[in-house]
């Protein structure tokens, strides 16, 4: 598959998008308190990037994610 990737100049809105999505994720997870980090090229101020904000939920053990499967599916369905 030959797909083109288009970069955009750094955009201050990416940080705002991350903050909104991180808050939505925290609200959906409810009592579950997980660190959420803004990662990837949009997290680096001044760097051109694909205009997609990447986030990661930090867990101690990957198996913990199974406990929140339903809530995580709600989040993914709202994005995609």
N, C-alpha and C. Protein backbone atom coordinates (compact mmCIF):
# COMPACT_ATOMS: atom_id res chain seq x y z
N UNK A 1 0.85 -1.17 0.00
CA UNK A 1 0.00 0.00 0.00
C UNK A 1 0.89 1.23 0.00
N UNK A 2 0.63 2.15 -0.88
CA UNK A 2 1.44 3.36 -1.01
C UNK A 2 0.60 4.56 -0.55
N UNK A 3 0.77 4.94 0.72
CA UNK A 3 0.02 6.07 1.26
C UNK A 3 0.96 7.24 1.48
N UNK A 4 0.46 8.42 1.22
CA UNK A 4 1.24 9.62 1.46
C UNK A 4 0.93 10.15 2.86
N UNK A 5 1.94 10.67 3.49
CA UNK A 5 1.79 11.29 4.80
C UNK A 5 2.01 12.78 4.62
N UNK A 6 1.08 13.56 5.12
CA UNK A 6 1.18 15.01 5.02
C UNK A 6 1.47 15.61 6.38
N UNK A 7 2.53 16.38 6.45
CA UNK A 7 2.89 17.06 7.69
C UNK A 7 2.34 18.47 7.68
N UNK A 8 2.03 18.94 8.87
CA UNK A 8 1.57 20.32 9.03
C UNK A 8 2.53 21.04 9.97
N UNK A 9 2.58 22.34 9.82
CA UNK A 9 3.38 23.15 10.74
C UNK A 9 2.81 22.97 12.14
N UNK A 10 3.67 23.15 13.13
CA UNK A 10 3.25 23.03 14.52
C UNK A 10 2.01 23.88 14.79
N UNK A 11 1.12 23.35 15.60
CA UNK A 11 -0.16 24.00 15.83
C UNK A 11 -0.47 23.98 17.33
N UNK A 12 -0.69 25.12 17.93
CA UNK A 12 -0.99 25.19 19.36
C UNK A 12 -2.29 24.45 19.71
N UNK A 13 -3.16 24.27 18.75
CA UNK A 13 -4.42 23.57 18.99
C UNK A 13 -4.20 22.10 19.35
N UNK A 14 -3.09 21.52 18.95
CA UNK A 14 -2.83 20.11 19.25
C UNK A 14 -2.78 19.88 20.76
N UNK A 15 -2.16 20.79 21.49
CA UNK A 15 -2.10 20.66 22.95
C UNK A 15 -3.51 20.75 23.54
N UNK A 16 -4.30 21.67 23.02
CA UNK A 16 -5.67 21.82 23.49
C UNK A 16 -6.49 20.56 23.18
N UNK A 17 -6.30 19.99 21.99
CA UNK A 17 -7.01 18.76 21.62
C UNK A 17 -6.64 17.64 22.59
N UNK A 18 -5.35 17.55 22.91
CA UNK A 18 -4.90 16.53 23.86
C UNK A 18 -5.60 16.72 25.20
N UNK A 19 -5.61 17.95 25.70
CA UNK A 19 -6.20 18.22 27.01
C UNK A 19 -7.69 17.86 27.04
N UNK A 20 -8.40 18.19 25.97
CA UNK A 20 -9.83 17.85 25.90
C UNK A 20 -10.02 16.34 25.89
N UNK A 21 -9.26 15.64 25.05
CA UNK A 21 -9.40 14.18 24.96
C UNK A 21 -8.95 13.49 26.24
N UNK A 22 -7.91 14.00 26.88
CA UNK A 22 -7.47 13.42 28.15
C UNK A 22 -8.56 13.58 29.21
N UNK A 23 -9.20 14.74 29.25
CA UNK A 23 -10.29 14.96 30.20
C UNK A 23 -11.48 14.06 29.89
N UNK A 24 -11.83 13.92 28.62
CA UNK A 24 -12.92 13.01 28.23
C UNK A 24 -12.61 11.58 28.63
N UNK A 25 -11.35 11.18 28.45
CA UNK A 25 -10.93 9.83 28.81
C UNK A 25 -11.04 9.62 30.31
N UNK A 26 -10.58 10.59 31.09
CA UNK A 26 -10.68 10.49 32.55
C UNK A 26 -12.13 10.40 32.98
N UNK A 27 -13.00 11.20 32.37
CA UNK A 27 -14.42 11.18 32.72
C UNK A 27 -15.04 9.83 32.40
N UNK A 28 -14.69 9.27 31.26
CA UNK A 28 -15.25 7.98 30.85
C UNK A 28 -14.77 6.86 31.75
N UNK A 29 -13.51 6.93 32.18
CA UNK A 29 -12.97 5.88 33.05
C UNK A 29 -13.48 5.99 34.48
N UNK A 30 -14.04 7.13 34.84
CA UNK A 30 -14.63 7.29 36.16
C UNK A 30 -13.61 7.24 37.28
N UNK A 31 -13.78 6.27 38.19
CA UNK A 31 -12.92 6.17 39.36
C UNK A 31 -11.51 5.69 39.04
N UNK A 32 -11.30 5.18 37.85
CA UNK A 32 -9.98 4.69 37.47
C UNK A 32 -9.06 5.90 37.27
N UNK A 33 -8.00 5.94 38.04
CA UNK A 33 -7.04 7.04 37.95
C UNK A 33 -5.77 6.55 37.25
N UNK A 34 -5.61 6.93 35.99
CA UNK A 34 -4.43 6.53 35.22
C UNK A 34 -3.74 7.77 34.68
N UNK A 35 -2.41 7.78 34.71
CA UNK A 35 -1.71 8.86 34.03
C UNK A 35 -1.95 8.76 32.52
N UNK A 36 -2.19 9.89 31.90
CA UNK A 36 -2.37 9.96 30.45
C UNK A 36 -1.33 10.93 29.92
N UNK A 37 -0.56 10.48 28.94
CA UNK A 37 0.51 11.30 28.38
C UNK A 37 0.24 11.64 26.92
N UNK A 38 0.60 12.85 26.54
CA UNK A 38 0.55 13.29 25.14
C UNK A 38 1.88 12.87 24.53
N UNK A 39 1.82 12.00 23.51
CA UNK A 39 3.05 11.47 22.91
C UNK A 39 3.06 11.76 21.41
N UNK A 40 4.15 11.43 20.78
CA UNK A 40 4.26 11.58 19.34
C UNK A 40 4.65 12.99 18.93
N UNK A 41 4.69 13.20 17.64
CA UNK A 41 5.21 14.45 17.10
C UNK A 41 4.36 15.66 17.45
N UNK A 42 3.05 15.50 17.65
CA UNK A 42 2.22 16.66 18.01
C UNK A 42 2.50 17.13 19.43
N UNK A 43 3.20 16.32 20.22
CA UNK A 43 3.52 16.69 21.60
C UNK A 43 4.79 17.54 21.69
N UNK A 44 5.49 17.68 20.58
CA UNK A 44 6.75 18.43 20.57
C UNK A 44 6.51 19.82 20.01
N UNK A 45 6.56 20.84 20.87
CA UNK A 45 6.32 22.21 20.40
C UNK A 45 7.29 22.60 19.27
N UNK A 46 6.74 23.20 18.24
CA UNK A 46 7.56 23.69 17.13
C UNK A 46 7.87 22.66 16.06
N UNK A 47 7.49 21.41 16.26
CA UNK A 47 7.80 20.35 15.30
C UNK A 47 6.65 20.15 14.33
N UNK A 48 6.95 20.06 13.04
CA UNK A 48 5.93 19.71 12.06
C UNK A 48 5.50 18.27 12.33
N UNK A 49 4.22 17.96 12.06
CA UNK A 49 3.72 16.64 12.42
C UNK A 49 2.51 16.27 11.60
N UNK A 50 2.18 14.96 11.61
CA UNK A 50 0.89 14.53 11.10
C UNK A 50 -0.14 15.12 12.06
N UNK A 51 -1.24 15.63 11.59
CA UNK A 51 -2.20 16.28 12.48
C UNK A 51 -3.09 15.28 13.24
N UNK A 52 -2.45 14.33 13.92
CA UNK A 52 -3.18 13.37 14.74
C UNK A 52 -2.56 13.38 16.13
N UNK A 53 -3.36 13.67 17.14
CA UNK A 53 -2.87 13.74 18.50
C UNK A 53 -2.87 12.33 19.10
N UNK A 54 -1.69 11.89 19.55
CA UNK A 54 -1.54 10.56 20.14
C UNK A 54 -1.44 10.68 21.65
N UNK A 55 -2.11 9.75 22.33
CA UNK A 55 -2.07 9.70 23.79
C UNK A 55 -1.79 8.27 24.20
N UNK A 56 -1.28 8.13 25.43
CA UNK A 56 -1.06 6.80 25.97
C UNK A 56 -1.54 6.78 27.42
N UNK A 57 -2.23 5.71 27.77
CA UNK A 57 -2.61 5.48 29.16
C UNK A 57 -1.49 4.67 29.80
N UNK A 58 -1.03 5.09 30.95
CA UNK A 58 0.08 4.43 31.62
C UNK A 58 -0.48 3.46 32.66
N UNK A 59 -0.15 2.18 32.52
CA UNK A 59 -0.59 1.15 33.46
C UNK A 59 0.62 0.41 34.00
N UNK A 60 0.48 -0.16 35.20
CA UNK A 60 1.57 -0.94 35.77
C UNK A 60 1.67 -2.31 35.12
N UNK A 61 0.52 -2.91 34.83
CA UNK A 61 0.48 -4.24 34.21
C UNK A 61 -0.50 -4.20 33.06
N UNK A 62 -0.10 -4.70 31.92
CA UNK A 62 -0.94 -4.65 30.74
C UNK A 62 -2.29 -5.33 30.96
N UNK A 63 -2.33 -6.37 31.79
CA UNK A 63 -3.57 -7.08 32.07
C UNK A 63 -4.63 -6.20 32.71
N UNK A 64 -4.22 -5.09 33.32
CA UNK A 64 -5.18 -4.18 33.93
C UNK A 64 -6.15 -3.61 32.90
N UNK A 65 -5.70 -3.48 31.68
CA UNK A 65 -6.53 -2.89 30.63
C UNK A 65 -7.80 -3.70 30.43
N UNK A 66 -7.73 -5.02 30.63
CA UNK A 66 -8.91 -5.86 30.48
C UNK A 66 -10.04 -5.42 31.41
N UNK A 67 -9.70 -4.90 32.59
CA UNK A 67 -10.70 -4.46 33.56
C UNK A 67 -11.52 -3.28 33.03
N UNK A 68 -10.92 -2.49 32.15
CA UNK A 68 -11.57 -1.27 31.66
C UNK A 68 -11.97 -1.38 30.19
N UNK A 69 -12.07 -2.60 29.70
CA UNK A 69 -12.34 -2.81 28.27
C UNK A 69 -13.59 -2.07 27.81
N UNK A 70 -14.67 -2.17 28.56
CA UNK A 70 -15.92 -1.52 28.16
C UNK A 70 -15.79 -0.02 28.05
N UNK A 71 -15.15 0.59 29.06
CA UNK A 71 -14.97 2.04 29.05
C UNK A 71 -14.05 2.47 27.91
N UNK A 72 -13.00 1.71 27.67
CA UNK A 72 -12.07 2.05 26.60
C UNK A 72 -12.74 1.94 25.23
N UNK A 73 -13.63 0.96 25.08
CA UNK A 73 -14.35 0.83 23.81
C UNK A 73 -15.26 2.04 23.57
N UNK A 74 -15.86 2.57 24.63
CA UNK A 74 -16.69 3.76 24.50
C UNK A 74 -15.83 4.93 23.97
N UNK A 75 -14.63 5.05 24.52
CA UNK A 75 -13.73 6.13 24.09
C UNK A 75 -13.34 5.94 22.63
N UNK A 76 -12.93 4.75 22.25
CA UNK A 76 -12.52 4.51 20.87
C UNK A 76 -13.67 4.70 19.90
N UNK A 77 -14.86 4.26 20.27
CA UNK A 77 -16.02 4.42 19.37
C UNK A 77 -16.38 5.88 19.18
N UNK A 78 -16.11 6.72 20.17
CA UNK A 78 -16.42 8.13 20.03
C UNK A 78 -15.41 8.84 19.11
N UNK A 79 -14.23 8.25 18.98
CA UNK A 79 -13.18 8.87 18.14
C UNK A 79 -13.29 8.37 16.70
N UNK A 80 -13.46 7.07 16.53
CA UNK A 80 -13.46 6.47 15.20
C UNK A 80 -14.86 6.22 14.81
